[in-house]
mmCIF file of all heavy atoms, coordinates in Angstrom:
data_MODEL
# 
_entry.id   MODEL 
# 
loop_
_atom_site.group_PDB 
_atom_site.id 
_atom_site.type_symbol 
_atom_site.label_atom_id 
_atom_site.label_alt_id 
_atom_site.label_comp_id 
_atom_site.label_asym_id 
_atom_site.label_entity_id 
_atom_site.label_seq_id 
_atom_site.pdbx_PDB_ins_code 
_atom_site.Cartn_x 
_atom_site.Cartn_y 
_atom_site.Cartn_z 
_atom_site.occupancy 
_atom_site.B_iso_or_equiv 
_atom_site.pdbx_formal_charge 
_atom_site.auth_seq_id 
_atom_site.auth_comp_id 
_atom_site.auth_asym_id 
_atom_site.auth_atom_id 
_atom_site.pdbx_PDB_model_num 
ATOM 1   N N   . TYR A 1 1  ? -13.063 -2.391 -8.060 1.00 0.00 ? 1  TYR A N   1 
ATOM 2   C CA  . TYR A 1 1  ? -13.754 -2.177 -6.780 1.00 0.00 ? 1  TYR A CA  1 
ATOM 3   C C   . TYR A 1 1  ? -15.099 -1.490 -7.019 1.00 0.00 ? 1  TYR A C   1 
ATOM 4   O O   . TYR A 1 1  ? -15.316 -0.852 -8.050 1.00 0.00 ? 1  TYR A O   1 
ATOM 5   C CB  . TYR A 1 1  ? -12.879 -1.334 -5.838 1.00 0.00 ? 1  TYR A CB  1 
ATOM 6   C CG  . TYR A 1 1  ? -11.628 -2.093 -5.440 1.00 0.00 ? 1  TYR A CG  1 
ATOM 7   C CD1 . TYR A 1 1  ? -10.500 -2.057 -6.251 1.00 0.00 ? 1  TYR A CD1 1 
ATOM 8   C CD2 . TYR A 1 1  ? -11.600 -2.885 -4.299 1.00 0.00 ? 1  TYR A CD2 1 
ATOM 9   C CE1 . TYR A 1 1  ? -9.366  -2.783 -5.920 1.00 0.00 ? 1  TYR A CE1 1 
ATOM 10  C CE2 . TYR A 1 1  ? -10.477 -3.614 -3.965 1.00 0.00 ? 1  TYR A CE2 1 
ATOM 11  C CZ  . TYR A 1 1  ? -9.365  -3.558 -4.779 1.00 0.00 ? 1  TYR A CZ  1 
ATOM 12  O OH  . TYR A 1 1  ? -8.246  -4.305 -4.457 1.00 0.00 ? 1  TYR A OH  1 
ATOM 13  N N   . ALA A 1 2  ? -15.980 -1.618 -6.060 1.00 0.00 ? 2  ALA A N   1 
ATOM 14  C CA  . ALA A 1 2  ? -17.337 -1.097 -6.216 1.00 0.00 ? 2  ALA A CA  1 
ATOM 15  C C   . ALA A 1 2  ? -17.352 0.425  -6.282 1.00 0.00 ? 2  ALA A C   1 
ATOM 16  O O   . ALA A 1 2  ? -18.146 1.011  -7.021 1.00 0.00 ? 2  ALA A O   1 
ATOM 17  C CB  . ALA A 1 2  ? -18.219 -1.581 -5.066 1.00 0.00 ? 2  ALA A CB  1 
ATOM 18  N N   . THR A 1 3  ? -16.482 1.075  -5.519 1.00 0.00 ? 3  THR A N   1 
ATOM 19  C CA  . THR A 1 3  ? -16.491 2.530  -5.449 1.00 0.00 ? 3  THR A CA  1 
ATOM 20  C C   . THR A 1 3  ? -15.084 3.085  -5.597 1.00 0.00 ? 3  THR A C   1 
ATOM 21  O O   . THR A 1 3  ? -14.088 2.388  -5.393 1.00 0.00 ? 3  THR A O   1 
ATOM 22  C CB  . THR A 1 3  ? -17.056 3.024  -4.107 1.00 0.00 ? 3  THR A CB  1 
ATOM 23  O OG1 . THR A 1 3  ? -16.141 2.665  -3.051 1.00 0.00 ? 3  THR A OG1 1 
ATOM 24  C CG2 . THR A 1 3  ? -18.434 2.418  -3.828 1.00 0.00 ? 3  THR A CG2 1 
ATOM 25  N N   . ARG A 1 4  ? -15.034 4.355  -5.904 1.00 0.00 ? 4  ARG A N   1 
ATOM 26  C CA  . ARG A 1 4  ? -13.748 5.056  -6.006 1.00 0.00 ? 4  ARG A CA  1 
ATOM 27  C C   . ARG A 1 4  ? -13.028 5.053  -4.661 1.00 0.00 ? 4  ARG A C   1 
ATOM 28  O O   . ARG A 1 4  ? -11.803 4.877  -4.595 1.00 0.00 ? 4  ARG A O   1 
ATOM 29  C CB  . ARG A 1 4  ? -14.012 6.474  -6.490 1.00 0.00 ? 4  ARG A CB  1 
ATOM 30  C CG  . ARG A 1 4  ? -12.786 7.345  -6.628 1.00 0.00 ? 4  ARG A CG  1 
ATOM 31  C CD  . ARG A 1 4  ? -13.152 8.677  -7.261 1.00 0.00 ? 4  ARG A CD  1 
ATOM 32  N NE  . ARG A 1 4  ? -11.999 9.561  -7.315 1.00 0.00 ? 4  ARG A NE  1 
ATOM 33  C CZ  . ARG A 1 4  ? -11.772 10.428 -8.280 1.00 0.00 ? 4  ARG A CZ  1 
ATOM 34  N NH1 . ARG A 1 4  ? -12.636 10.538 -9.274 1.00 0.00 ? 4  ARG A NH1 1 
ATOM 35  N NH2 . ARG A 1 4  ? -10.705 11.211 -8.259 1.00 0.00 ? 4  ARG A NH2 1 
ATOM 36  N N   . ASP A 1 5  ? -13.771 5.230  -3.580 1.00 0.00 ? 5  ASP A N   1 
ATOM 37  C CA  . ASP A 1 5  ? -13.164 5.248  -2.255 1.00 0.00 ? 5  ASP A CA  1 
ATOM 38  C C   . ASP A 1 5  ? -12.539 3.892  -1.923 1.00 0.00 ? 5  ASP A C   1 
ATOM 39  O O   . ASP A 1 5  ? -11.410 3.826  -1.421 1.00 0.00 ? 5  ASP A O   1 
ATOM 40  C CB  . ASP A 1 5  ? -14.205 5.620  -1.201 1.00 0.00 ? 5  ASP A CB  1 
ATOM 41  C CG  . ASP A 1 5  ? -13.582 5.822  0.170  1.00 0.00 ? 5  ASP A CG  1 
ATOM 42  O OD1 . ASP A 1 5  ? -12.978 6.894  0.387  1.00 0.00 ? 5  ASP A OD1 1 
ATOM 43  O OD2 . ASP A 1 5  ? -13.679 4.902  1.010  1.00 0.00 ? 5  ASP A OD2 1 
ATOM 44  N N   . GLU A 1 6  ? -13.262 2.809  -2.202 1.00 0.00 ? 6  GLU A N   1 
ATOM 45  C CA  . GLU A 1 6  ? -12.714 1.485  -1.930 1.00 0.00 ? 6  GLU A CA  1 
ATOM 46  C C   . GLU A 1 6  ? -11.482 1.223  -2.778 1.00 0.00 ? 6  GLU A C   1 
ATOM 47  O O   . GLU A 1 6  ? -10.513 0.604  -2.309 1.00 0.00 ? 6  GLU A O   1 
ATOM 48  C CB  . GLU A 1 6  ? -13.775 0.413  -2.177 1.00 0.00 ? 6  GLU A CB  1 
ATOM 49  C CG  . GLU A 1 6  ? -14.887 0.402  -1.141 1.00 0.00 ? 6  GLU A CG  1 
ATOM 50  C CD  . GLU A 1 6  ? -15.865 -0.731 -1.358 1.00 0.00 ? 6  GLU A CD  1 
ATOM 51  O OE1 . GLU A 1 6  ? -15.667 -1.534 -2.293 1.00 0.00 ? 6  GLU A OE1 1 
ATOM 52  O OE2 . GLU A 1 6  ? -16.828 -0.830 -0.585 1.00 0.00 ? 6  GLU A OE2 1 
ATOM 53  N N   . MET A 1 7  ? -11.528 1.652  -4.021 1.00 0.00 ? 7  MET A N   1 
ATOM 54  C CA  . MET A 1 7  ? -10.370 1.503  -4.897 1.00 0.00 ? 7  MET A CA  1 
ATOM 55  C C   . MET A 1 7  ? -9.147  2.204  -4.317 1.00 0.00 ? 7  MET A C   1 
ATOM 56  O O   . MET A 1 7  ? -8.058  1.625  -4.231 1.00 0.00 ? 7  MET A O   1 
ATOM 57  C CB  . MET A 1 7  ? -10.709 2.073  -6.271 1.00 0.00 ? 7  MET A CB  1 
ATOM 58  C CG  . MET A 1 7  ? -9.562  2.108  -7.257 1.00 0.00 ? 7  MET A CG  1 
ATOM 59  S SD  . MET A 1 7  ? -9.658  3.529  -8.393 1.00 0.00 ? 7  MET A SD  1 
ATOM 60  C CE  . MET A 1 7  ? -9.540  4.899  -7.245 1.00 0.00 ? 7  MET A CE  1 
ATOM 61  N N   . GLY A 1 8  ? -9.301  3.477  -3.913 1.00 0.00 ? 8  GLY A N   1 
ATOM 62  C CA  . GLY A 1 8  ? -8.187  4.234  -3.372 1.00 0.00 ? 8  GLY A CA  1 
ATOM 63  C C   . GLY A 1 8  ? -7.657  3.644  -2.083 1.00 0.00 ? 8  GLY A C   1 
ATOM 64  O O   . GLY A 1 8  ? -6.443  3.614  -1.858 1.00 0.00 ? 8  GLY A O   1 
ATOM 65  N N   . ARG A 1 9  ? -8.569  3.164  -1.243 1.00 0.00 ? 9  ARG A N   1 
ATOM 66  C CA  . ARG A 1 9  ? -8.140  2.582  0.038  1.00 0.00 ? 9  ARG A CA  1 
ATOM 67  C C   . ARG A 1 9  ? -7.384  1.278  -0.173 1.00 0.00 ? 9  ARG A C   1 
ATOM 68  O O   . ARG A 1 9  ? -6.367  1.029  0.468  1.00 0.00 ? 9  ARG A O   1 
ATOM 69  C CB  . ARG A 1 9  ? -9.363  2.364  0.934  1.00 0.00 ? 9  ARG A CB  1 
ATOM 70  C CG  . ARG A 1 9  ? -9.044  1.810  2.307  1.00 0.00 ? 9  ARG A CG  1 
ATOM 71  C CD  . ARG A 1 9  ? -10.082 2.221  3.336  1.00 0.00 ? 9  ARG A CD  1 
ATOM 72  N NE  . ARG A 1 9  ? -11.437 1.873  2.962  1.00 0.00 ? 9  ARG A NE  1 
ATOM 73  C CZ  . ARG A 1 9  ? -12.048 0.743  3.346  1.00 0.00 ? 9  ARG A CZ  1 
ATOM 74  N NH1 . ARG A 1 9  ? -11.413 -0.145 4.085  1.00 0.00 ? 9  ARG A NH1 1 
ATOM 75  N NH2 . ARG A 1 9  ? -13.300 0.511  2.996  1.00 0.00 ? 9  ARG A NH2 1 
ATOM 76  N N   . ALA A 1 10 ? -7.876  0.450  -1.100 1.00 0.00 ? 10 ALA A N   1 
ATOM 77  C CA  . ALA A 1 10 ? -7.198  -0.815 -1.374 1.00 0.00 ? 10 ALA A CA  1 
ATOM 78  C C   . ALA A 1 10 ? -5.800  -0.570 -1.936 1.00 0.00 ? 10 ALA A C   1 
ATOM 79  O O   . ALA A 1 10 ? -4.822  -1.217 -1.520 1.00 0.00 ? 10 ALA A O   1 
ATOM 80  C CB  . ALA A 1 10 ? -8.023  -1.648 -2.346 1.00 0.00 ? 10 ALA A CB  1 
ATOM 81  N N   . ALA A 1 11 ? -5.687  0.358  -2.874 1.00 0.00 ? 11 ALA A N   1 
ATOM 82  C CA  . ALA A 1 11 ? -4.381  0.660  -3.457 1.00 0.00 ? 11 ALA A CA  1 
ATOM 83  C C   . ALA A 1 11 ? -3.431  1.205  -2.392 1.00 0.00 ? 11 ALA A C   1 
ATOM 84  O O   . ALA A 1 11 ? -2.242  0.833  -2.353 1.00 0.00 ? 11 ALA A O   1 
ATOM 85  C CB  . ALA A 1 11 ? -4.532  1.663  -4.592 1.00 0.00 ? 11 ALA A CB  1 
ATOM 86  N N   . ALA A 1 12 ? -3.938  2.070  -1.514 1.00 0.00 ? 12 ALA A N   1 
ATOM 87  C CA  . ALA A 1 12 ? -3.098  2.628  -0.466 1.00 0.00 ? 12 ALA A CA  1 
ATOM 88  C C   . ALA A 1 12 ? -2.642  1.559  0.513  1.00 0.00 ? 12 ALA A C   1 
ATOM 89  O O   . ALA A 1 12 ? -1.483  1.557  0.959  1.00 0.00 ? 12 ALA A O   1 
ATOM 90  C CB  . ALA A 1 12 ? -3.859  3.734  0.274  1.00 0.00 ? 12 ALA A CB  1 
ATOM 91  N N   . GLU A 1 13 ? -3.526  0.648  0.872  1.00 0.00 ? 13 GLU A N   1 
ATOM 92  C CA  . GLU A 1 13 ? -3.156  -0.437 1.781  1.00 0.00 ? 13 GLU A CA  1 
ATOM 93  C C   . GLU A 1 13 ? -2.028  -1.281 1.188  1.00 0.00 ? 13 GLU A C   1 
ATOM 94  O O   . GLU A 1 13 ? -1.067  -1.642 1.871  1.00 0.00 ? 13 GLU A O   1 
ATOM 95  C CB  . GLU A 1 13 ? -4.369  -1.320 2.065  1.00 0.00 ? 13 GLU A CB  1 
ATOM 96  C CG  . GLU A 1 13 ? -5.360  -0.744 3.058  1.00 0.00 ? 13 GLU A CG  1 
ATOM 97  C CD  . GLU A 1 13 ? -4.899  -0.921 4.503  1.00 0.00 ? 13 GLU A CD  1 
ATOM 98  O OE1 . GLU A 1 13 ? -3.771  -1.379 4.724  1.00 0.00 ? 13 GLU A OE1 1 
ATOM 99  O OE2 . GLU A 1 13 ? -5.681  -0.584 5.410  1.00 0.00 ? 13 GLU A OE2 1 
ATOM 100 N N   . GLU A 1 14 ? -2.137  -1.582 -0.097 1.00 0.00 ? 14 GLU A N   1 
ATOM 101 C CA  . GLU A 1 14 ? -1.131  -2.443 -0.708 1.00 0.00 ? 14 GLU A CA  1 
ATOM 102 C C   . GLU A 1 14 ? 0.171   -1.689 -0.942 1.00 0.00 ? 14 GLU A C   1 
ATOM 103 O O   . GLU A 1 14 ? 1.262   -2.263 -0.783 1.00 0.00 ? 14 GLU A O   1 
ATOM 104 C CB  . GLU A 1 14 ? -1.685  -3.047 -1.991 1.00 0.00 ? 14 GLU A CB  1 
ATOM 105 C CG  . GLU A 1 14 ? -2.858  -3.983 -1.694 1.00 0.00 ? 14 GLU A CG  1 
ATOM 106 C CD  . GLU A 1 14 ? -3.300  -4.804 -2.886 1.00 0.00 ? 14 GLU A CD  1 
ATOM 107 O OE1 . GLU A 1 14 ? -2.622  -4.761 -3.932 1.00 0.00 ? 14 GLU A OE1 1 
ATOM 108 O OE2 . GLU A 1 14 ? -4.317  -5.497 -2.757 1.00 0.00 ? 14 GLU A OE2 1 
ATOM 109 N N   . ALA A 1 15 ? 0.102   -0.422 -1.303 1.00 0.00 ? 15 ALA A N   1 
ATOM 110 C CA  . ALA A 1 15 ? 1.318   0.374  -1.434 1.00 0.00 ? 15 ALA A CA  1 
ATOM 111 C C   . ALA A 1 15 ? 2.002   0.552  -0.080 1.00 0.00 ? 15 ALA A C   1 
ATOM 112 O O   . ALA A 1 15 ? 3.236   0.487  0.027  1.00 0.00 ? 15 ALA A O   1 
ATOM 113 C CB  . ALA A 1 15 ? 1.004   1.731  -2.053 1.00 0.00 ? 15 ALA A CB  1 
ATOM 114 N N   . ALA A 1 16 ? 1.210   0.761  0.968  1.00 0.00 ? 16 ALA A N   1 
ATOM 115 C CA  . ALA A 1 16 ? 1.776   0.892  2.318  1.00 0.00 ? 16 ALA A CA  1 
ATOM 116 C C   . ALA A 1 16 ? 2.461   -0.402 2.743  1.00 0.00 ? 16 ALA A C   1 
ATOM 117 O O   . ALA A 1 16 ? 3.542   -0.378 3.349  1.00 0.00 ? 16 ALA A O   1 
ATOM 118 C CB  . ALA A 1 16 ? 0.678   1.270  3.311  1.00 0.00 ? 16 ALA A CB  1 
ATOM 119 N N   . ALA A 1 17 ? 1.836   -1.534 2.429  1.00 0.00 ? 17 ALA A N   1 
ATOM 120 C CA  . ALA A 1 17 ? 2.447   -2.822 2.760  1.00 0.00 ? 17 ALA A CA  1 
ATOM 121 C C   . ALA A 1 17 ? 3.771   -3.001 2.029  1.00 0.00 ? 17 ALA A C   1 
ATOM 122 O O   . ALA A 1 17 ? 4.746   -3.513 2.588  1.00 0.00 ? 17 ALA A O   1 
ATOM 123 C CB  . ALA A 1 17 ? 1.490   -3.954 2.414  1.00 0.00 ? 17 ALA A CB  1 
ATOM 124 N N   . ALA A 1 18 ? 3.827   -2.557 0.772  1.00 0.00 ? 18 ALA A N   1 
ATOM 125 C CA  . ALA A 1 18 ? 5.069   -2.642 0.007  1.00 0.00 ? 18 ALA A CA  1 
ATOM 126 C C   . ALA A 1 18 ? 6.144   -1.752 0.624  1.00 0.00 ? 18 ALA A C   1 
ATOM 127 O O   . ALA A 1 18 ? 7.317   -2.145 0.720  1.00 0.00 ? 18 ALA A O   1 
ATOM 128 C CB  . ALA A 1 18 ? 4.816   -2.256 -1.443 1.00 0.00 ? 18 ALA A CB  1 
ATOM 129 N N   . LEU A 1 19 ? 5.753   -0.548 1.043  1.00 0.00 ? 19 LEU A N   1 
ATOM 130 C CA  . LEU A 1 19 ? 6.707   0.348  1.701  1.00 0.00 ? 19 LEU A CA  1 
ATOM 131 C C   . LEU A 1 19 ? 7.252   -0.277 2.979  1.00 0.00 ? 19 LEU A C   1 
ATOM 132 O O   . LEU A 1 19 ? 8.470   -0.270 3.223  1.00 0.00 ? 19 LEU A O   1 
ATOM 133 C CB  . LEU A 1 19 ? 6.023   1.678  2.015  1.00 0.00 ? 19 LEU A CB  1 
ATOM 134 C CG  . LEU A 1 19 ? 6.069   2.761  0.946  1.00 0.00 ? 19 LEU A CG  1 
ATOM 135 C CD1 . LEU A 1 19 ? 5.096   3.881  1.291  1.00 0.00 ? 19 LEU A CD1 1 
ATOM 136 C CD2 . LEU A 1 19 ? 7.473   3.314  0.810  1.00 0.00 ? 19 LEU A CD2 1 
ATOM 137 N N   . ARG A 1 20 ? 6.370   -0.809 3.808  1.00 0.00 ? 20 ARG A N   1 
ATOM 138 C CA  . ARG A 1 20 ? 6.825   -1.423 5.063  1.00 0.00 ? 20 ARG A CA  1 
ATOM 139 C C   . ARG A 1 20 ? 7.763   -2.591 4.786  1.00 0.00 ? 20 ARG A C   1 
ATOM 140 O O   . ARG A 1 20 ? 8.783   -2.774 5.474  1.00 0.00 ? 20 ARG A O   1 
ATOM 141 C CB  . ARG A 1 20 ? 5.626   -1.867 5.891  1.00 0.00 ? 20 ARG A CB  1 
ATOM 142 C CG  . ARG A 1 20 ? 4.840   -0.710 6.517  1.00 0.00 ? 20 ARG A CG  1 
ATOM 143 C CD  . ARG A 1 20 ? 3.811   -1.196 7.518  1.00 0.00 ? 20 ARG A CD  1 
ATOM 144 N NE  . ARG A 1 20 ? 2.711   -1.875 6.859  1.00 0.00 ? 20 ARG A NE  1 
ATOM 145 C CZ  . ARG A 1 20 ? 1.557   -1.291 6.514  1.00 0.00 ? 20 ARG A CZ  1 
ATOM 146 N NH1 . ARG A 1 20 ? 1.371   0.005  6.766  1.00 0.00 ? 20 ARG A NH1 1 
ATOM 147 N NH2 . ARG A 1 20 ? 0.602   -1.982 5.937  1.00 0.00 ? 20 ARG A NH2 1 
ATOM 148 N N   . SER A 1 21 ? 7.419   -3.407 3.796  1.00 0.00 ? 21 SER A N   1 
ATOM 149 C CA  . SER A 1 21 ? 8.242   -4.571 3.466  1.00 0.00 ? 21 SER A CA  1 
ATOM 150 C C   . SER A 1 21 ? 9.633   -4.150 3.002  1.00 0.00 ? 21 SER A C   1 
ATOM 151 O O   . SER A 1 21 ? 10.647  -4.719 3.426  1.00 0.00 ? 21 SER A O   1 
ATOM 152 C CB  . SER A 1 21 ? 7.544   -5.392 2.390  1.00 0.00 ? 21 SER A CB  1 
ATOM 153 O OG  . SER A 1 21 ? 8.348   -6.477 1.975  1.00 0.00 ? 21 SER A OG  1 
ATOM 154 N N   . LYS A 1 22 ? 9.692   -3.153 2.143  1.00 0.00 ? 22 LYS A N   1 
ATOM 155 C CA  . LYS A 1 22 ? 10.985  -2.723 1.625  1.00 0.00 ? 22 LYS A CA  1 
ATOM 156 C C   . LYS A 1 22 ? 11.817  -2.060 2.719  1.00 0.00 ? 22 LYS A C   1 
ATOM 157 O O   . LYS A 1 22 ? 13.039  -2.247 2.783  1.00 0.00 ? 22 LYS A O   1 
ATOM 158 C CB  . LYS A 1 22 ? 10.794  -1.784 0.437  1.00 0.00 ? 22 LYS A CB  1 
ATOM 159 C CG  . LYS A 1 22 ? 10.225  -2.496 -0.791 1.00 0.00 ? 22 LYS A CG  1 
ATOM 160 C CD  . LYS A 1 22 ? 10.107  -1.576 -1.979 1.00 0.00 ? 22 LYS A CD  1 
ATOM 161 C CE  . LYS A 1 22 ? 9.414   -2.276 -3.150 1.00 0.00 ? 22 LYS A CE  1 
ATOM 162 N NZ  . LYS A 1 22 ? 10.071  -3.513 -3.567 1.00 0.00 ? 22 LYS A NZ  1 
ATOM 163 N N   . LEU A 1 23 ? 11.168  -1.275 3.582  1.00 0.00 ? 23 LEU A N   1 
ATOM 164 C CA  . LEU A 1 23 ? 11.891  -0.634 4.675  1.00 0.00 ? 23 LEU A CA  1 
ATOM 165 C C   . LEU A 1 23 ? 12.415  -1.643 5.685  1.00 0.00 ? 23 LEU A C   1 
ATOM 166 O O   . LEU A 1 23 ? 13.389  -1.370 6.402  1.00 0.00 ? 23 LEU A O   1 
ATOM 167 C CB  . LEU A 1 23 ? 10.999  0.395  5.362  1.00 0.00 ? 23 LEU A CB  1 
ATOM 168 C CG  . LEU A 1 23 ? 10.751  1.680  4.571  1.00 0.00 ? 23 LEU A CG  1 
ATOM 169 C CD1 . LEU A 1 23 ? 9.621   2.484  5.198  1.00 0.00 ? 23 LEU A CD1 1 
ATOM 170 C CD2 . LEU A 1 23 ? 12.031  2.521  4.478  1.00 0.00 ? 23 LEU A CD2 1 
ATOM 171 N N   . ALA A 1 24 ? 11.793  -2.808 5.755  1.00 0.00 ? 24 ALA A N   1 
ATOM 172 C CA  . ALA A 1 24 ? 12.291  -3.871 6.644  1.00 0.00 ? 24 ALA A CA  1 
ATOM 173 C C   . ALA A 1 24 ? 13.537  -4.536 6.083  1.00 0.00 ? 24 ALA A C   1 
ATOM 174 O O   . ALA A 1 24 ? 14.287  -5.175 6.823  1.00 0.00 ? 24 ALA A O   1 
ATOM 175 C CB  . ALA A 1 24 ? 11.200  -4.916 6.864  1.00 0.00 ? 24 ALA A CB  1 
ATOM 176 N N   . MET A 1 25 ? 13.760  -4.370 4.767  1.00 0.00 ? 25 MET A N   1 
ATOM 177 C CA  . MET A 1 25 ? 14.874  -5.068 4.116  1.00 0.00 ? 25 MET A CA  1 
ATOM 178 C C   . MET A 1 25 ? 16.001  -4.144 3.662  1.00 0.00 ? 25 MET A C   1 
ATOM 179 O O   . MET A 1 25 ? 17.089  -4.610 3.343  1.00 0.00 ? 25 MET A O   1 
ATOM 180 C CB  . MET A 1 25 ? 14.353  -5.850 2.907  1.00 0.00 ? 25 MET A CB  1 
ATOM 181 C CG  . MET A 1 25 ? 13.383  -6.969 3.263  1.00 0.00 ? 25 MET A CG  1 
ATOM 182 S SD  . MET A 1 25 ? 12.899  -7.947 1.814  1.00 0.00 ? 25 MET A SD  1 
ATOM 183 C CE  . MET A 1 25 ? 11.907  -6.745 0.906  1.00 0.00 ? 25 MET A CE  1 
ATOM 184 N N   . GLN A 1 26 ? 15.724  -2.827 3.603  1.00 0.00 ? 26 GLN A N   1 
ATOM 185 C CA  . GLN A 1 26 ? 16.740  -1.889 3.126  1.00 0.00 ? 26 GLN A CA  1 
ATOM 186 C C   . GLN A 1 26 ? 16.652  -0.595 3.907  1.00 0.00 ? 26 GLN A C   1 
ATOM 187 O O   . GLN A 1 26 ? 15.637  -0.304 4.540  1.00 0.00 ? 26 GLN A O   1 
ATOM 188 C CB  . GLN A 1 26 ? 16.562  -1.651 1.627  1.00 0.00 ? 26 GLN A CB  1 
ATOM 189 C CG  . GLN A 1 26 ? 15.203  -1.113 1.223  1.00 0.00 ? 26 GLN A CG  1 
ATOM 190 C CD  . GLN A 1 26 ? 14.901  -1.276 -0.265 1.00 0.00 ? 26 GLN A CD  1 
ATOM 191 O OE1 . GLN A 1 26 ? 14.855  -2.392 -0.778 1.00 0.00 ? 26 GLN A OE1 1 
ATOM 192 N NE2 . GLN A 1 26 ? 14.690  -0.153 -0.954 1.00 0.00 ? 26 GLN A NE2 1 
ATOM 193 N N   . ASP A 1 27 ? 17.739  0.185  3.849  1.00 0.00 ? 27 ASP A N   1 
ATOM 194 C CA  . ASP A 1 27 ? 17.815  1.387  4.675  1.00 0.00 ? 27 ASP A CA  1 
ATOM 195 C C   . ASP A 1 27 ? 16.866  2.479  4.210  1.00 0.00 ? 27 ASP A C   1 
ATOM 196 O O   . ASP A 1 27 ? 16.312  3.225  5.028  1.00 0.00 ? 27 ASP A O   1 
ATOM 197 C CB  . ASP A 1 27 ? 19.246  1.929  4.682  1.00 0.00 ? 27 ASP A CB  1 
ATOM 198 C CG  . ASP A 1 27 ? 20.207  1.024  5.436  1.00 0.00 ? 27 ASP A CG  1 
ATOM 199 O OD1 . ASP A 1 27 ? 19.738  0.263  6.315  1.00 0.00 ? 27 ASP A OD1 1 
ATOM 200 O OD2 . ASP A 1 27 ? 21.416  1.076  5.143  1.00 0.00 ? 27 ASP A OD2 1 
ATOM 201 N N   . HIS A 1 28 ? 16.706  2.607  2.900  1.00 0.00 ? 28 HIS A N   1 
ATOM 202 C CA  . HIS A 1 28 ? 15.889  3.684  2.349  1.00 0.00 ? 28 HIS A CA  1 
ATOM 203 C C   . HIS A 1 28 ? 15.030  3.163  1.210  1.00 0.00 ? 28 HIS A C   1 
ATOM 204 O O   . HIS A 1 28 ? 15.375  2.176  0.565  1.00 0.00 ? 28 HIS A O   1 
ATOM 205 C CB  . HIS A 1 28 ? 16.773  4.841  1.841  1.00 0.00 ? 28 HIS A CB  1 
ATOM 206 C CG  . HIS A 1 28 ? 17.564  5.503  2.913  1.00 0.00 ? 28 HIS A CG  1 
ATOM 207 N ND1 . HIS A 1 28 ? 18.836  5.082  3.270  1.00 0.00 ? 28 HIS A ND1 1 
ATOM 208 C CD2 . HIS A 1 28 ? 17.279  6.552  3.722  1.00 0.00 ? 28 HIS A CD2 1 
ATOM 209 C CE1 . HIS A 1 28 ? 19.291  5.858  4.254  1.00 0.00 ? 28 HIS A CE1 1 
ATOM 210 N NE2 . HIS A 1 28 ? 18.369  6.749  4.535  1.00 0.00 ? 28 HIS A NE2 1 
# 
């Protein structure tokens, strides 16, 4: 990514999406 901020935001967005996906399929 062009900047450190963009890098952190992109990683957080994708980690958050993974969390939401897993929570939709399992209890914890």
